[in-house]
Amino acid sequence: IVTKQNPDKIRNELYDRLFNEDSVTGNASRSYTMNSTTAEEYLVTNWSLLKEAVNELNPDFNAIEAGAEACDVLIRCYLLDEAIDLALKRLL
């Protein structure tokens, strides 16, 4: 149950649970889309977001070597905190 007394605990539990959830980030299997062409389509307008995600999460990440699916997953992992915060704000 989400209450105003426990948002940090809930945030941490959600992050831990969702970080490796394929239907949220794709991190467990290293692909959310299970399709490189679809992942490439998702990246078309998100290059600056990818740059932010790389800088924040993995400065040694090589997008060319990793491929579109890995880039998509990295962005999804990067945005997870923000998505959880937005969801909790709506609930509280």
PDB file of N, CA and C in Angstrom:
ATOM      1  N   ILE A   1       0.854  -1.178   0.000  1.00  0.00           N
ATOM      2  CA  ILE A   1       0.000   0.000   0.000  1.00  0.00           C
ATOM      3  C   ILE A   1       0.896   1.236   0.000  1.00  0.00           C
ATOM      4  N   VAL A   2       0.610   2.145  -0.899  1.00  0.00           N
ATOM      5  CA  VAL A   2       1.375   3.385  -0.996  1.00  0.00           C
ATOM      6  C   VAL A   2       0.726   4.432  -0.101  1.00  0.00           C
ATOM      7  N   THR A   3       1.523   4.977   0.800  1.00  0.00           N
ATOM      8  CA  THR A   3       1.038   6.058   1.654  1.00  0.00           C
ATOM      9  C   THR A   3       2.066   7.175   1.665  1.00  0.00           C
ATOM     10  N   LYS A   4       1.680   8.320   2.185  1.00  0.00           N
ATOM     11  CA  LYS A   4       2.611   9.441   2.266  1.00  0.00           C
ATOM     12  C   LYS A   4       3.740   9.163   3.256  1.00  0.00           C
ATOM     13  N   GLN A   5       3.585   8.147   4.094  1.00  0.00           N
ATOM     14  CA  GLN A   5       4.616   7.810   5.070  1.00  0.00           C
ATOM     15  C   GLN A   5       5.695   6.896   4.506  1.00  0.00           C
ATOM     16  N   ASN A   6       5.452   6.253   3.379  1.00  0.00           N
ATOM     17  CA  ASN A   6       6.424   5.269   2.899  1.00  0.00           C
ATOM     18  C   ASN A   6       6.813   5.405   1.415  1.00  0.00           C
ATOM     19  N   PRO A   7       6.816   6.590   0.833  1.00  0.00           N
ATOM     20  CA  PRO A   7       7.099   6.664  -0.608  1.00  0.00           C
ATOM     21  C   PRO A   7       8.503   6.203  -0.998  1.00  0.00           C
ATOM     22  N   ASP A   8       9.498   6.452  -0.163  1.00  0.00           N
ATOM     23  CA  ASP A   8      10.860   6.037  -0.513  1.00  0.00           C
ATOM     24  C   ASP A   8      10.988   4.516  -0.524  1.00  0.00           C
ATOM     25  N   LYS A   9      10.355   3.882   0.442  1.00  0.00           N
ATOM     26  CA  LYS A   9      10.385   2.418   0.495  1.00  0.00           C
ATOM     27  C   LYS A   9       9.695   1.838  -0.741  1.00  0.00           C
ATOM     28  N   ILE A  10       8.547   2.370  -1.083  1.00  0.00           N
ATOM     29  CA  ILE A  10       7.811   1.905  -2.253  1.00  0.00           C
ATOM     30  C   ILE A  10       8.609   2.173  -3.526  1.00  0.00           C
ATOM     31  N   ARG A  11       9.196   3.364  -3.635  1.00  0.00           N
ATOM     32  CA  ARG A  11      10.008   3.724  -4.810  1.00  0.00           C
ATOM     33  C   ARG A  11      11.144   2.713  -4.986  1.00  0.00           C
ATOM     34  N   ASN A  12      11.844   2.410  -3.902  1.00  0.00           N
ATOM     35  CA  ASN A  12      12.966   1.467  -3.975  1.00  0.00           C
ATOM     36  C   ASN A  12      12.508   0.059  -4.351  1.00  0.00           C
ATOM     37  N   GLU A  13      11.385  -0.371  -3.777  1.00  0.00           N
ATOM     38  CA  GLU A  13      10.859  -1.698  -4.096  1.00  0.00           C
ATOM     39  C   GLU A  13      10.432  -1.781  -5.560  1.00  0.00           C
ATOM     40  N   LEU A  14       9.774  -0.732  -6.048  1.00  0.00           N
ATOM     41  CA  LEU A  14       9.364  -0.713  -7.450  1.00  0.00           C
ATOM     42  C   LEU A  14      10.578  -0.722  -8.373  1.00  0.00           C
ATOM     43  N   TYR A  15      11.571   0.077  -8.054  1.00  0.00           N
ATOM     44  CA  TYR A  15      12.777   0.125  -8.887  1.00  0.00           C
ATOM     45  C   TYR A  15      13.436  -1.254  -8.948  1.00  0.00           C
ATOM     46  N   ASP A  16      13.604  -1.877  -7.778  1.00  0.00           N
ATOM     47  CA  ASP A  16      14.236  -3.199  -7.735  1.00  0.00           C
ATOM     48  C   ASP A  16      13.443  -4.223  -8.542  1.00  0.00           C
ATOM     49  N   ARG A  17      12.134  -4.159  -8.459  1.00  0.00           N
ATOM     50  CA  ARG A  17      11.282  -5.123  -9.147  1.00  0.00           C
ATOM     51  C   ARG A  17      11.227  -4.858 -10.656  1.00  0.00           C
ATOM     52  N   LEU A  18      11.158  -3.592 -11.043  1.00  0.00           N
ATOM     53  CA  LEU A  18      10.933  -3.249 -12.442  1.00  0.00           C
ATOM     54  C   LEU A  18      12.203  -3.139 -13.284  1.00  0.00           C
ATOM     55  N   PHE A  19      13.345  -2.937 -12.654  1.00  0.00           N
ATOM     56  CA  PHE A  19      14.591  -2.750 -13.397  1.00  0.00           C
ATOM     57  C   PHE A  19      14.888  -3.927 -14.321  1.00  0.00           C
ATOM     58  N   ASN A  20      14.619  -5.123 -13.868  1.00  0.00           N
ATOM     59  CA  ASN A  20      14.884  -6.316 -14.684  1.00  0.00           C
ATOM     60  C   ASN A  20      13.620  -6.934 -15.262  1.00  0.00           C
ATOM     61  N   GLU A  21      12.554  -6.161 -15.309  1.00  0.00           N
ATOM     62  CA  GLU A  21      11.298  -6.641 -15.882  1.00  0.00           C
ATOM     63  C   GLU A  21      11.286  -6.357 -17.382  1.00  0.00           C
ATOM     64  N   ASP A  22      11.267  -7.392 -18.183  1.00  0.00           N
ATOM     65  CA  ASP A  22      11.339  -7.220 -19.643  1.00  0.00           C
ATOM     66  C   ASP A  22      10.189  -6.384 -20.197  1.00  0.00           C
ATOM     67  N   SER A  23       9.023  -6.458 -19.590  1.00  0.00           N
ATOM     68  CA  SER A  23       7.895  -5.695 -20.107  1.00  0.00           C
ATOM     69  C   SER A  23       7.980  -4.211 -19.742  1.00  0.00           C
ATOM     70  N   VAL A  24       8.972  -3.849 -18.937  1.00  0.00           N
ATOM     71  CA  VAL A  24       9.164  -2.446 -18.547  1.00  0.00           C
ATOM     72  C   VAL A  24      10.449  -1.886 -19.153  1.00  0.00           C
ATOM     73  N   THR A  25      11.571  -2.542 -18.886  1.00  0.00           N
ATOM     74  CA  THR A  25      12.862  -2.037 -19.369  1.00  0.00           C
ATOM     75  C   THR A  25      13.511  -2.926 -20.421  1.00  0.00           C
ATOM     76  N   GLY A  26      13.205  -4.206 -20.397  1.00  0.00           N
ATOM     77  CA  GLY A  26      13.880  -5.137 -21.292  1.00  0.00           C
ATOM     78  C   GLY A  26      15.256  -5.538 -20.791  1.00  0.00           C
ATOM     79  N   ASN A  27      15.594  -5.135 -19.585  1.00  0.00           N
ATOM     80  CA  ASN A  27      16.942  -5.337 -19.081  1.00  0.00           C
ATOM     81  C   ASN A  27      17.294  -6.806 -18.829  1.00  0.00           C
ATOM     82  N   ALA A  28      16.335  -7.611 -18.432  1.00  0.00           N
ATOM     83  CA  ALA A  28      16.646  -9.018 -18.130  1.00  0.00           C
ATOM     84  C   ALA A  28      17.128  -9.766 -19.371  1.00  0.00           C
ATOM     85  N   SER A  29      16.444  -9.564 -20.484  1.00  0.00           N
ATOM     86  CA  SER A  29      16.820 -10.259 -21.717  1.00  0.00           C
ATOM     87  C   SER A  29      17.673  -9.400 -22.637  1.00  0.00           C
ATOM     88  N   ARG A  30      17.877  -8.145 -22.230  1.00  0.00           N
ATOM     89  CA  ARG A  30      18.627  -7.156 -23.020  1.00  0.00           C
ATOM     90  C   ARG A  30      17.858  -6.679 -24.259  1.00  0.00           C
ATOM     91  N   SER A  31      16.524  -6.886 -24.226  1.00  0.00           N
ATOM     92  CA  SER A  31      15.706  -6.368 -25.321  1.00  0.00           C
ATOM     93  C   SER A  31      14.271  -6.192 -24.855  1.00  0.00           C
ATOM     94  N   TYR A  32      13.755  -4.984 -25.004  1.00  0.00           N
ATOM     95  CA  TYR A  32      12.346  -4.716 -24.724  1.00  0.00           C
ATOM     96  C   TYR A  32      11.498  -5.109 -25.932  1.00  0.00           C
ATOM     97  N   THR A  33      11.991  -4.798 -27.113  1.00  0.00           N
ATOM     98  CA  THR A  33      11.214  -4.992 -28.334  1.00  0.00           C
ATOM     99  C   THR A  33      11.333  -6.393 -28.918  1.00  0.00           C
ATOM    100  N   MET A  34      12.428  -7.063 -28.642  1.00  0.00           N
ATOM    101  CA  MET A  34      12.748  -8.361 -29.256  1.00  0.00           C
ATOM    102  C   MET A  34      12.802  -8.229 -30.779  1.00  0.00           C
ATOM    103  N   ASN A  35      13.147  -7.009 -31.232  1.00  0.00           N
ATOM    104  CA  ASN A  35      13.188  -6.745 -32.662  1.00  0.00           C
ATOM    105  C   ASN A  35      14.079  -5.530 -32.885  1.00  0.00           C
ATOM    106  N   SER A  36      15.198  -5.723 -33.558  1.00  0.00           N
ATOM    107  CA  SER A  36      16.152  -4.625 -33.731  1.00  0.00           C
ATOM    108  C   SER A  36      15.593  -3.485 -34.582  1.00  0.00           C
ATOM    109  N   THR A  37      14.761  -3.807 -35.551  1.00  0.00           N
ATOM    110  CA  THR A  37      14.185  -2.755 -36.393  1.00  0.00           C
ATOM    111  C   THR A  37      13.251  -1.862 -35.587  1.00  0.00           C
ATOM    112  N   THR A  38      12.433  -2.455 -34.753  1.00  0.00           N
ATOM    113  CA  THR A  38      11.542  -1.671 -33.893  1.00  0.00           C
ATOM    114  C   THR A  38      12.359  -0.826 -32.921  1.00  0.00           C
ATOM    115  N   ALA A  39      13.402  -1.397 -32.349  1.00  0.00           N
ATOM    116  CA  ALA A  39      14.264  -0.644 -31.443  1.00  0.00           C
ATOM    117  C   ALA A  39      14.899   0.534 -32.170  1.00  0.00           C
ATOM    118  N   GLU A  40      15.327   0.329 -33.396  1.00  0.00           N
ATOM    119  CA  GLU A  40      15.886   1.421 -34.198  1.00  0.00           C
ATOM    120  C   GLU A  40      14.856   2.524 -34.409  1.00  0.00           C
ATOM    121  N   GLU A  41      13.613   2.152 -34.664  1.00  0.00           N
ATOM    122  CA  GLU A  41      12.550   3.143 -34.842  1.00  0.00           C
ATOM    123  C   GLU A  41      12.348   3.960 -33.570  1.00  0.00           C
ATOM    124  N   TYR A  42      12.434   3.320 -32.416  1.00  0.00           N
ATOM    125  CA  TYR A  42      12.279   4.034 -31.142  1.00  0.00           C
ATOM    126  C   TYR A  42      13.420   5.023 -30.906  1.00  0.00           C
ATOM    127  N   LEU A  43      14.577   4.732 -31.449  1.00  0.00           N
ATOM    128  CA  LEU A  43      15.742   5.598 -31.247  1.00  0.00           C
ATOM    129  C   LEU A  43      15.746   6.844 -32.135  1.00  0.00           C
ATOM    130  N   VAL A  44      14.990   6.826 -33.204  1.00  0.00           N
ATOM    131  CA  VAL A  44      15.061   7.883 -34.215  1.00  0.00           C
ATOM    132  C   VAL A  44      15.026   9.286 -33.615  1.00  0.00           C
ATOM    133  N   THR A  45      14.150   9.547 -32.693  1.00  0.00           N
ATOM    134  CA  THR A  45      14.046  10.896 -32.114  1.00  0.00           C
ATOM    135  C   THR A  45      14.595  10.971 -30.694  1.00  0.00           C
ATOM    136  N   ASN A  46      15.356   9.970 -30.288  1.00  0.00           N
ATOM    137  CA  ASN A  46      15.813   9.913 -28.898  1.00  0.00           C
ATOM    138  C   ASN A  46      17.333   9.880 -28.735  1.00  0.00           C
ATOM    139  N   TRP A  47      18.066  10.431 -29.693  1.00  0.00           N
ATOM    140  CA  TRP A  47      19.522  10.395 -29.606  1.00  0.00           C
ATOM    141  C   TRP A  47      20.043  11.206 -28.420  1.00  0.00           C
ATOM    142  N   SER A  48      19.451  12.344 -28.139  1.00  0.00           N
ATOM    143  CA  SER A  48      19.912  13.143 -26.996  1.00  0.00           C
ATOM    144  C   SER A  48      19.593  12.430 -25.689  1.00  0.00           C
ATOM    145  N   LEU A  49      18.476  11.735 -25.659  1.00  0.00           N
ATOM    146  CA  LEU A  49      18.131  10.950 -24.473  1.00  0.00           C
ATOM    147  C   LEU A  49      19.118   9.799 -24.291  1.00  0.00           C
ATOM    148  N   LEU A  50      19.519   9.178 -25.384  1.00  0.00           N
ATOM    149  CA  LEU A  50      20.527   8.122 -25.302  1.00  0.00           C
ATOM    150  C   LEU A  50      21.834   8.682 -24.757  1.00  0.00           C
ATOM    151  N   LYS A  51      22.214   9.853 -25.211  1.00  0.00           N
ATOM    152  CA  LYS A  51      23.447  10.477 -24.726  1.00  0.00           C
ATOM    153  C   LYS A  51      23.370  10.721 -23.221  1.00  0.00           C
ATOM    154  N   GLU A  52      22.228  11.214 -22.741  1.00  0.00           N
ATOM    155  CA  GLU A  52      22.039  11.427 -21.295  1.00  0.00           C
ATOM    156  C   GLU A  52      22.153  10.104 -20.544  1.00  0.00           C
ATOM    157  N   ALA A  53      21.493   9.069 -21.064  1.00  0.00           N
ATOM    158  CA  ALA A  53      21.507   7.760 -20.410  1.00  0.00           C
ATOM    159  C   ALA A  53      22.923   7.194 -20.344  1.00  0.00           C
ATOM    160  N   VAL A  54      23.664   7.313 -21.424  1.00  0.00           N
ATOM    161  CA  VAL A  54      25.044   6.832 -21.449  1.00  0.00           C
ATOM    162  C   VAL A  54      25.873   7.587 -20.421  1.00  0.00           C
ATOM    163  N   ASN A  55      25.773   8.903 -20.418  1.00  0.00           N
ATOM    164  CA  ASN A  55      26.546   9.717 -19.478  1.00  0.00           C
ATOM    165  C   ASN A  55      26.218   9.387 -18.033  1.00  0.00           C
ATOM    166  N   GLU A  56      24.953   9.131 -17.758  1.00  0.00           N
ATOM    167  CA  GLU A  56      24.508   8.873 -16.381  1.00  0.00           C
ATOM    168  C   GLU A  56      24.768   7.438 -15.921  1.00  0.00           C
ATOM    169  N   LEU A  57      24.491   6.474 -16.793  1.00  0.00           N
ATOM    170  CA  LEU A  57      24.513   5.076 -16.371  1.00  0.00           C
ATOM    171  C   LEU A  57      25.753   4.296 -16.761  1.00  0.00           C
ATOM    172  N   ASN A  58      26.320   4.614 -17.933  1.00  0.00           N
ATOM    173  CA  ASN A  58      27.424   3.788 -18.411  1.00  0.00           C
ATOM    174  C   ASN A  58      28.276   4.554 -19.417  1.00  0.00           C
ATOM    175  N   PRO A  59      29.173   5.409 -18.948  1.00  0.00           N
ATOM    176  CA  PRO A  59      29.982   6.223 -19.862  1.00  0.00           C
ATOM    177  C   PRO A  59      30.817   5.420 -20.855  1.00  0.00           C
ATOM    178  N   ASP A  60      31.094   4.163 -20.579  1.00  0.00           N
ATOM    179  CA  ASP A  60      31.880   3.327 -21.474  1.00  0.00           C
ATOM    180  C   ASP A  60      31.015   2.606 -22.511  1.00  0.00           C
ATOM    181  N   PHE A  61      29.707   2.821 -22.472  1.00  0.00           N
ATOM    182  CA  PHE A  61      28.768   2.166 -23.389  1.00  0.00           C
ATOM    183  C   PHE A  61      29.072   2.589 -24.821  1.00  0.00           C
ATOM    184  N   ASN A  62      29.189   1.609 -25.703  1.00  0.00           N
ATOM    185  CA  ASN A  62      29.433   1.877 -27.118  1.00  0.00           C
ATOM    186  C   ASN A  62      28.166   1.507 -27.888  1.00  0.00           C
ATOM    187  N   ALA A  63      27.411   2.526 -28.287  1.00  0.00           N
ATOM    188  CA  ALA A  63      26.120   2.299 -28.929  1.00  0.00           C
ATOM    189  C   ALA A  63      26.248   1.512 -30.229  1.00  0.00           C
ATOM    190  N   ILE A  64      27.276   1.769 -30.987  1.00  0.00           N
ATOM    191  CA  ILE A  64      27.456   1.067 -32.261  1.00  0.00           C
ATOM    192  C   ILE A  64      27.691  -0.422 -32.024  1.00  0.00           C
ATOM    193  N   GLU A  65      28.566  -0.751 -31.102  1.00  0.00           N
ATOM    194  CA  GLU A  65      28.831  -2.158 -30.805  1.00  0.00           C
ATOM    195  C   GLU A  65      27.643  -2.833 -30.130  1.00  0.00           C
ATOM    196  N   ALA A  66      26.962  -2.109 -29.244  1.00  0.00           N
ATOM    197  CA  ALA A  66      25.859  -2.695 -28.479  1.00  0.00           C
ATOM    198  C   ALA A  66      24.620  -2.933 -29.334  1.00  0.00           C
ATOM    199  N   GLY A  67      24.333  -2.028 -30.250  1.00  0.00           N
ATOM    200  CA  GLY A  67      23.170  -2.176 -31.115  1.00  0.00           C
ATOM    201  C   GLY A  67      21.942  -1.458 -30.586  1.00  0.00           C
ATOM    202  N   ALA A  68      20.950  -1.383 -31.441  1.00  0.00           N
ATOM    203  CA  ALA A  68      19.738  -0.615 -31.158  1.00  0.00           C
ATOM    204  C   ALA A  68      18.958  -1.139 -29.963  1.00  0.00           C
ATOM    205  N   GLU A  69      18.853  -2.452 -29.831  1.00  0.00           N
ATOM    206  CA  GLU A  69      18.084  -2.997 -28.715  1.00  0.00           C
ATOM    207  C   GLU A  69      18.718  -2.641 -27.381  1.00  0.00           C
ATOM    208  N   ALA A  70      20.029  -2.714 -27.286  1.00  0.00           N
ATOM    209  CA  ALA A  70      20.720  -2.347 -26.051  1.00  0.00           C
ATOM    210  C   ALA A  70      20.573  -0.855 -25.768  1.00  0.00           C
ATOM    211  N   CYS A  71      20.600  -0.048 -26.804  1.00  0.00           N
ATOM    212  CA  CYS A  71      20.406   1.398 -26.633  1.00  0.00           C
ATOM    213  C   CYS A  71      19.012   1.688 -26.094  1.00  0.00           C
ATOM    214  N   ASP A  72      18.014   1.017 -26.642  1.00  0.00           N
ATOM    215  CA  ASP A  72      16.637   1.182 -26.187  1.00  0.00           C
ATOM    216  C   ASP A  72      16.500   0.778 -24.717  1.00  0.00           C
ATOM    217  N   VAL A  73      17.098  -0.331 -24.342  1.00  0.00           N
ATOM    218  CA  VAL A  73      17.051  -0.788 -22.956  1.00  0.00           C
ATOM    219  C   VAL A  73      17.732   0.218 -22.030  1.00  0.00           C
ATOM    220  N   LEU A  74      18.865   0.731 -22.440  1.00  0.00           N
ATOM    221  CA  LEU A  74      19.584   1.701 -21.613  1.00  0.00           C
ATOM    222  C   LEU A  74      18.718   2.935 -21.354  1.00  0.00           C
ATOM    223  N   ILE A  75      18.048   3.423 -22.377  1.00  0.00           N
ATOM    224  CA  ILE A  75      17.148   4.573 -22.201  1.00  0.00           C
ATOM    225  C   ILE A  75      16.013   4.222 -21.247  1.00  0.00           C
ATOM    226  N   ARG A  76      15.433   3.051 -21.398  1.00  0.00           N
ATOM    227  CA  ARG A  76      14.333   2.641 -20.518  1.00  0.00           C
ATOM    228  C   ARG A  76      14.786   2.540 -19.069  1.00  0.00           C
ATOM    229  N   CYS A  77      15.972   2.017 -18.842  1.00  0.00           N
ATOM    230  CA  CYS A  77      16.508   1.948 -17.475  1.00  0.00           C
ATOM    231  C   CYS A  77      16.767   3.345 -16.929  1.00  0.00           C
ATOM    232  N   TYR A  78      17.251   4.218 -17.769  1.00  0.00           N
ATOM    233  CA  TYR A  78      17.519   5.602 -17.385  1.00  0.00           C
ATOM    234  C   TYR A  78      16.232   6.325 -16.977  1.00  0.00           C
ATOM    235  N   LEU A  79      15.156   6.072 -17.664  1.00  0.00           N
ATOM    236  CA  LEU A  79      13.887   6.752 -17.394  1.00  0.00           C
ATOM    237  C   LEU A  79      13.057   6.106 -16.285  1.00  0.00           C
ATOM    238  N   LEU A  80      13.486   4.951 -15.799  1.00  0.00           N
ATOM    239  CA  LEU A  80      12.696   4.223 -14.809  1.00  0.00           C
ATOM    240  C   LEU A  80      12.447   5.038 -13.550  1.00  0.00           C
ATOM    241  N   ASP A  81      13.466   5.668 -12.993  1.00  0.00           N
ATOM    242  CA  ASP A  81      13.276   6.484 -11.781  1.00  0.00           C
ATOM    243  C   ASP A  81      12.218   7.559 -11.997  1.00  0.00           C
ATOM    244  N   GLU A  82      12.315   8.247 -13.119  1.00  0.00           N
ATOM    245  CA  GLU A  82      11.367   9.317 -13.424  1.00  0.00           C
ATOM    246  C   GLU A  82       9.945   8.770 -13.560  1.00  0.00           C
ATOM    247  N   ALA A  83       9.804   7.640 -14.206  1.00  0.00           N
ATOM    248  CA  ALA A  83       8.483   7.037 -14.379  1.00  0.00           C
ATOM    249  C   ALA A  83       7.882   6.624 -13.038  1.00  0.00           C
ATOM    250  N   ILE A  84       8.702   6.063 -12.180  1.00  0.00           N
ATOM    251  CA  ILE A  84       8.224   5.670 -10.853  1.00  0.00           C
ATOM    252  C   ILE A  84       7.814   6.912 -10.060  1.00  0.00           C
ATOM    253  N   ASP A  85       8.622   7.950 -10.106  1.00  0.00           N
ATOM    254  CA  ASP A  85       8.285   9.187  -9.397  1.00  0.00           C
ATOM    255  C   ASP A  85       6.960   9.772  -9.887  1.00  0.00           C
ATOM    256  N   LEU A  86       6.755   9.780 -11.184  1.00  0.00           N
ATOM    257  CA  LEU A  86       5.493  10.303 -11.737  1.00  0.00           C
ATOM    258  C   LEU A  86       4.305   9.462 -11.282  1.00  0.00           C
ATOM    259  N   ALA A  87       4.461   8.157 -11.288  1.00  0.00           N
ATOM    260  CA  ALA A  87       3.378   7.272 -10.848  1.00  0.00           C
ATOM    261  C   ALA A  87       3.065   7.505  -9.374  1.00  0.00           C
ATOM    262  N   LEU A  88       4.083   7.628  -8.550  1.00  0.00           N
ATOM    263  CA  LEU A  88       3.858   7.834  -7.122  1.00  0.00           C
ATOM    264  C   LEU A  88       3.202   9.182  -6.851  1.00  0.00           C
ATOM    265  N   LYS A  89       3.580  10.202  -7.593  1.00  0.00           N
ATOM    266  CA  LYS A  89       2.947  11.523  -7.429  1.00  0.00           C
ATOM    267  C   LYS A  89       1.461  11.458  -7.723  1.00  0.00           C
ATOM    268  N   ARG A  90       1.092  10.663  -8.721  1.00  0.00           N
ATOM    269  CA  ARG A  90      -0.321  10.520  -9.053  1.00  0.00           C
ATOM    270  C   ARG A  90      -1.076   9.753  -7.983  1.00  0.00           C
ATOM    271  N   LEU A  91      -0.408   8.834  -7.332  1.00  0.00           N
ATOM    272  CA  LEU A  91      -1.057   8.036  -6.300  1.00  0.00           C
ATOM    273  C   LEU A  91      -1.160   8.748  -4.959  1.00  0.00           C
ATOM    274  N   LEU A  92      -0.234   9.653  -4.711  1.00  0.00           N
ATOM    275  CA  LEU A  92      -0.211  10.311  -3.382  1.00  0.00           C
ATOM    276  C   LEU A  92      -0.946  11.593  -3.400  1.00  0.00           C
TER     277      LEU A  92
END
